[in-house]
Amino acid sequence: MVFIRNTRFRKVTQIVLSALLVTTLAGCAGNTIKRFSNDGVKKQVFDWAFWSQSCTAADFTIKVTKPPEFGVVEIGTGTMVIGRESATGARMACEGKTVANKVVYYTANDGYKGVDTIGLSIVGRNAAPRLFTLEVQVY
């Protein structure tokens, strides 16, 4: 089993690695996530982690499929503490453990005000890409 968590929304999904995983992730048409930022300020706008049943980080990639028009995006690494939430509300065996995650940072061009859009693709081992669109409102 691999656990997937988007720490921004505190979602955790438990998925069995099988054809079901490939079918489930391939069926995602995409998700739009809204964020806010200020011009000229580097801000974390997204993060994601995969981990195994043994509470170790599982390998995955985040790729920018559509770069922002009015700023720059960077993908970095960090760590996160696994929370207790699960898809069923049950306590997680990995609760409180620290795993590596990947973080997306966005910096809007100085003076830009408006909405900028970033396309992302997340791919875990043996899984089809999961697509996200980040809409960043810059003030």
C-alpha atoms as a PDB file:
ATOM      1  CA  MET A   1       0.000   0.000   0.000  1.00  0.00           C
ATOM      2  CA  VAL A   2       1.078   3.565  -0.601  1.00  0.00           C
ATOM      3  CA  PHE A   3      -0.354   6.545   1.200  1.00  0.00           C
ATOM      4  CA  ILE A   4      -0.826   9.813  -0.682  1.00  0.00           C
ATOM      5  CA  ARG A   5      -1.175  13.123   1.025  1.00  0.00           C
ATOM      6  CA  ASN A   6      -1.639  16.657  -0.161  1.00  0.00           C
ATOM      7  CA  THR A   7      -0.695  18.515   2.994  1.00  0.00           C
ATOM      8  CA  ARG A   8      -2.444  21.685   1.891  1.00  0.00           C
ATOM      9  CA  PHE A   9      -5.855  20.029   2.141  1.00  0.00           C
ATOM     10  CA  ARG A  10      -4.971  17.475   4.826  1.00  0.00           C
ATOM     11  CA  LYS A  11      -6.256  14.693   2.588  1.00  0.00           C
ATOM     12  CA  VAL A  12      -4.920  11.214   2.872  1.00  0.00           C
ATOM     13  CA  THR A  13      -5.853   8.433   0.532  1.00  0.00           C
ATOM     14  CA  GLN A  14      -4.898   4.804   1.012  1.00  0.00           C
ATOM     15  CA  ILE A  15      -4.517   3.002  -2.286  1.00  0.00           C
ATOM     16  CA  VAL A  16      -3.502  -0.565  -3.019  1.00  0.00           C
ATOM     17  CA  LEU A  17      -0.796  -0.695  -5.674  1.00  0.00           C
ATOM     18  CA  SER A  18      -2.448  -2.676  -8.405  1.00  0.00           C
ATOM     19  CA  ALA A  19      -4.394  -2.130 -11.590  1.00  0.00           C
ATOM     20  CA  LEU A  20      -6.884  -0.296  -9.397  1.00  0.00           C
ATOM     21  CA  LEU A  21      -4.263   2.376  -8.645  1.00  0.00           C
ATOM     22  CA  VAL A  22      -3.491   2.887 -12.314  1.00  0.00           C
ATOM     23  CA  THR A  23      -7.191   3.057 -13.171  1.00  0.00           C
ATOM     24  CA  THR A  24      -7.991   5.419 -10.305  1.00  0.00           C
ATOM     25  CA  LEU A  25      -5.245   7.932 -11.052  1.00  0.00           C
ATOM     26  CA  ALA A  26      -5.640   7.702 -14.820  1.00  0.00           C
ATOM     27  CA  GLY A  27      -9.314   8.582 -14.431  1.00  0.00           C
ATOM     28  CA  CYS A  28      -8.613  11.956 -12.819  1.00  0.00           C
ATOM     29  CA  ALA A  29      -9.499  14.661 -15.286  1.00  0.00           C
ATOM     30  CA  GLY A  30      -7.612  17.197 -13.169  1.00  0.00           C
ATOM     31  CA  ASN A  31      -8.095  19.373 -10.159  1.00  0.00           C
ATOM     32  CA  THR A  32      -8.030  23.157  -9.896  1.00  0.00           C
ATOM     33  CA  ILE A  33      -6.508  24.594  -6.742  1.00  0.00           C
ATOM     34  CA  LYS A  34      -6.678  28.301  -5.905  1.00  0.00           C
ATOM     35  CA  ARG A  35      -3.909  30.143  -4.081  1.00  0.00           C
ATOM     36  CA  PHE A  36      -3.077  33.745  -3.197  1.00  0.00           C
ATOM     37  CA  SER A  37       0.247  35.574  -3.402  1.00  0.00           C
ATOM     38  CA  ASN A  38       1.835  39.013  -3.577  1.00  0.00           C
ATOM     39  CA  ASP A  39       3.958  40.259  -6.471  1.00  0.00           C
ATOM     40  CA  GLY A  40       7.700  39.732  -6.088  1.00  0.00           C
ATOM     41  CA  VAL A  41       7.316  37.359  -3.104  1.00  0.00           C
ATOM     42  CA  LYS A  42       8.355  33.694  -3.283  1.00  0.00           C
ATOM     43  CA  LYS A  43       5.484  31.694  -1.805  1.00  0.00           C
ATOM     44  CA  GLN A  44       4.779  28.001  -1.318  1.00  0.00           C
ATOM     45  CA  VAL A  45       1.627  27.234  -3.297  1.00  0.00           C
ATOM     46  CA  PHE A  46       1.499  23.425  -3.270  1.00  0.00           C
ATOM     47  CA  ASP A  47       3.081  20.359  -1.681  1.00  0.00           C
ATOM     48  CA  TRP A  48       2.635  16.619  -2.003  1.00  0.00           C
ATOM     49  CA  ALA A  49       3.970  13.410  -0.452  1.00  0.00           C
ATOM     50  CA  PHE A  50       3.744   9.670  -1.025  1.00  0.00           C
ATOM     51  CA  TRP A  51       4.731   7.174   1.667  1.00  0.00           C
ATOM     52  CA  SER A  52       4.783   3.422   2.094  1.00  0.00           C
ATOM     53  CA  GLN A  53       3.138   1.209   4.674  1.00  0.00           C
ATOM     54  CA  SER A  54       6.503   1.152   6.475  1.00  0.00           C
ATOM     55  CA  CYS A  55       6.269   4.980   6.817  1.00  0.00           C
ATOM     56  CA  THR A  56       9.128   5.742   4.436  1.00  0.00           C
ATOM     57  CA  ALA A  57       8.917   8.239   1.594  1.00  0.00           C
ATOM     58  CA  ALA A  58       7.949   6.741  -1.761  1.00  0.00           C
ATOM     59  CA  ASP A  59       9.511   8.129  -4.923  1.00  0.00           C
ATOM     60  CA  PHE A  60       7.489  10.376  -7.238  1.00  0.00           C
ATOM     61  CA  THR A  61       7.973  13.329  -9.565  1.00  0.00           C
ATOM     62  CA  ILE A  62       6.252  16.678  -9.972  1.00  0.00           C
ATOM     63  CA  LYS A  63       6.567  18.250 -13.419  1.00  0.00           C
ATOM     64  CA  VAL A  64       5.432  21.656 -14.590  1.00  0.00           C
ATOM     65  CA  THR A  65       3.197  21.015 -17.608  1.00  0.00           C
ATOM     66  CA  LYS A  66       2.265  24.677 -18.095  1.00  0.00           C
ATOM     67  CA  PRO A  67       4.624  27.342 -16.765  1.00  0.00           C
ATOM     68  CA  PRO A  68       3.161  30.579 -15.366  1.00  0.00           C
ATOM     69  CA  GLU A  69       2.924  33.536 -17.747  1.00  0.00           C
ATOM     70  CA  PHE A  70       3.522  36.243 -15.151  1.00  0.00           C
ATOM     71  CA  GLY A  71       6.098  34.750 -12.811  1.00  0.00           C
ATOM     72  CA  VAL A  72       8.373  31.810 -12.107  1.00  0.00           C
ATOM     73  CA  VAL A  73       7.822  28.432 -10.465  1.00  0.00           C
ATOM     74  CA  GLU A  74      10.347  26.287  -8.592  1.00  0.00           C
ATOM     75  CA  ILE A  75      10.034  22.744  -7.312  1.00  0.00           C
ATOM     76  CA  GLY A  76      11.920  21.963  -4.126  1.00  0.00           C
ATOM     77  CA  THR A  77      12.049  19.347  -1.422  1.00  0.00           C
ATOM     78  CA  GLY A  78      11.135  19.446   2.214  1.00  0.00           C
ATOM     79  CA  THR A  79       9.713  17.303   4.960  1.00  0.00           C
ATOM     80  CA  MET A  80       6.309  16.888   6.497  1.00  0.00           C
ATOM     81  CA  VAL A  81       4.856  15.166   9.526  1.00  0.00           C
ATOM     82  CA  ILE A  82       2.170  12.627   8.671  1.00  0.00           C
ATOM     83  CA  GLY A  83      -1.102  13.545  10.346  1.00  0.00           C
ATOM     84  CA  ARG A  84      -3.750  11.261  11.728  1.00  0.00           C
ATOM     85  CA  GLU A  85      -6.326  11.750   8.980  1.00  0.00           C
ATOM     86  CA  SER A  86      -7.161   8.972   6.573  1.00  0.00           C
ATOM     87  CA  ALA A  87      -9.771   8.522   3.878  1.00  0.00           C
ATOM     88  CA  THR A  88     -11.928   6.675   6.416  1.00  0.00           C
ATOM     89  CA  GLY A  89     -11.104   8.881   9.414  1.00  0.00           C
ATOM     90  CA  ALA A  90      -9.123   6.052  11.038  1.00  0.00           C
ATOM     91  CA  ARG A  91      -5.809   6.743  12.742  1.00  0.00           C
ATOM     92  CA  MET A  92      -2.827   6.186  10.511  1.00  0.00           C
ATOM     93  CA  ALA A  93      -0.059   3.760  11.500  1.00  0.00           C
ATOM     94  CA  CYS A  94       2.411   6.395  10.279  1.00  0.00           C
ATOM     95  CA  GLU A  95       0.928   9.250  12.326  1.00  0.00           C
ATOM     96  CA  GLY A  96       3.667  11.537  13.638  1.00  0.00           C
ATOM     97  CA  LYS A  97       6.394  10.159  11.349  1.00  0.00           C
ATOM     98  CA  THR A  98       8.372  12.550   9.161  1.00  0.00           C
ATOM     99  CA  VAL A  99       8.719  11.911   5.417  1.00  0.00           C
ATOM    100  CA  ALA A 100      10.198  13.787   2.498  1.00  0.00           C
ATOM    101  CA  ASN A 101       7.824  15.803   0.326  1.00  0.00           C
ATOM    102  CA  LYS A 102       8.021  18.007  -2.735  1.00  0.00           C
ATOM    103  CA  VAL A 103       7.075  21.660  -2.627  1.00  0.00           C
ATOM    104  CA  VAL A 104       6.049  24.061  -5.416  1.00  0.00           C
ATOM    105  CA  TYR A 105       7.012  27.723  -5.008  1.00  0.00           C
ATOM    106  CA  TYR A 106       5.678  30.600  -7.117  1.00  0.00           C
ATOM    107  CA  THR A 107       7.055  34.132  -7.464  1.00  0.00           C
ATOM    108  CA  ALA A 108       4.978  36.648  -9.439  1.00  0.00           C
ATOM    109  CA  ASN A 109       6.762  39.288 -11.479  1.00  0.00           C
ATOM    110  CA  ASP A 110       7.184  42.631  -9.679  1.00  0.00           C
ATOM    111  CA  GLY A 111       4.172  44.829 -10.319  1.00  0.00           C
ATOM    112  CA  TYR A 112       1.938  42.053 -11.676  1.00  0.00           C
ATOM    113  CA  LYS A 113      -1.610  41.923 -10.329  1.00  0.00           C
ATOM    114  CA  GLY A 114      -4.130  39.350 -11.508  1.00  0.00           C
ATOM    115  CA  VAL A 115      -4.417  35.576 -11.953  1.00  0.00           C
ATOM    116  CA  ASP A 116      -1.590  33.356 -13.110  1.00  0.00           C
ATOM    117  CA  THR A 117      -2.026  29.662 -13.949  1.00  0.00           C
ATOM    118  CA  ILE A 118       0.411  26.784 -13.463  1.00  0.00           C
ATOM    119  CA  GLY A 119      -0.108  23.217 -14.713  1.00  0.00           C
ATOM    120  CA  LEU A 120       1.380  20.335 -12.692  1.00  0.00           C
ATOM    121  CA  SER A 121       1.681  16.594 -13.191  1.00  0.00           C
ATOM    122  CA  ILE A 122       2.406  14.205 -10.305  1.00  0.00           C
ATOM    123  CA  VAL A 123       3.574  10.698 -11.126  1.00  0.00           C
ATOM    124  CA  GLY A 124       4.171   7.956  -8.575  1.00  0.00           C
ATOM    125  CA  ARG A 125       5.660   4.553  -9.238  1.00  0.00           C
ATOM    126  CA  ASN A 126       3.475   2.438 -11.549  1.00  0.00           C
ATOM    127  CA  ALA A 127       0.800   5.124 -11.797  1.00  0.00           C
ATOM    128  CA  ALA A 128      -0.586   7.371 -14.502  1.00  0.00           C
ATOM    129  CA  PRO A 129      -0.040  11.129 -14.038  1.00  0.00           C
ATOM    130  CA  ARG A 130      -2.362  13.048 -11.749  1.00  0.00           C
ATOM    131  CA  LEU A 131      -2.947  16.528 -13.176  1.00  0.00           C
ATOM    132  CA  PHE A 132      -3.470  19.748 -11.236  1.00  0.00           C
ATOM    133  CA  THR A 133      -4.021  23.351 -12.238  1.00  0.00           C
ATOM    134  CA  LEU A 134      -2.931  26.023  -9.775  1.00  0.00           C
ATOM    135  CA  GLU A 135      -4.687  29.365 -10.136  1.00  0.00           C
ATOM    136  CA  VAL A 136      -2.680  31.964  -8.221  1.00  0.00           C
ATOM    137  CA  GLN A 137      -4.399  35.292  -7.486  1.00  0.00           C
ATOM    138  CA  VAL A 138      -1.657  37.916  -7.193  1.00  0.00           C
ATOM    139  CA  TYR A 139      -2.341  41.080  -5.193  1.00  0.00           C
END
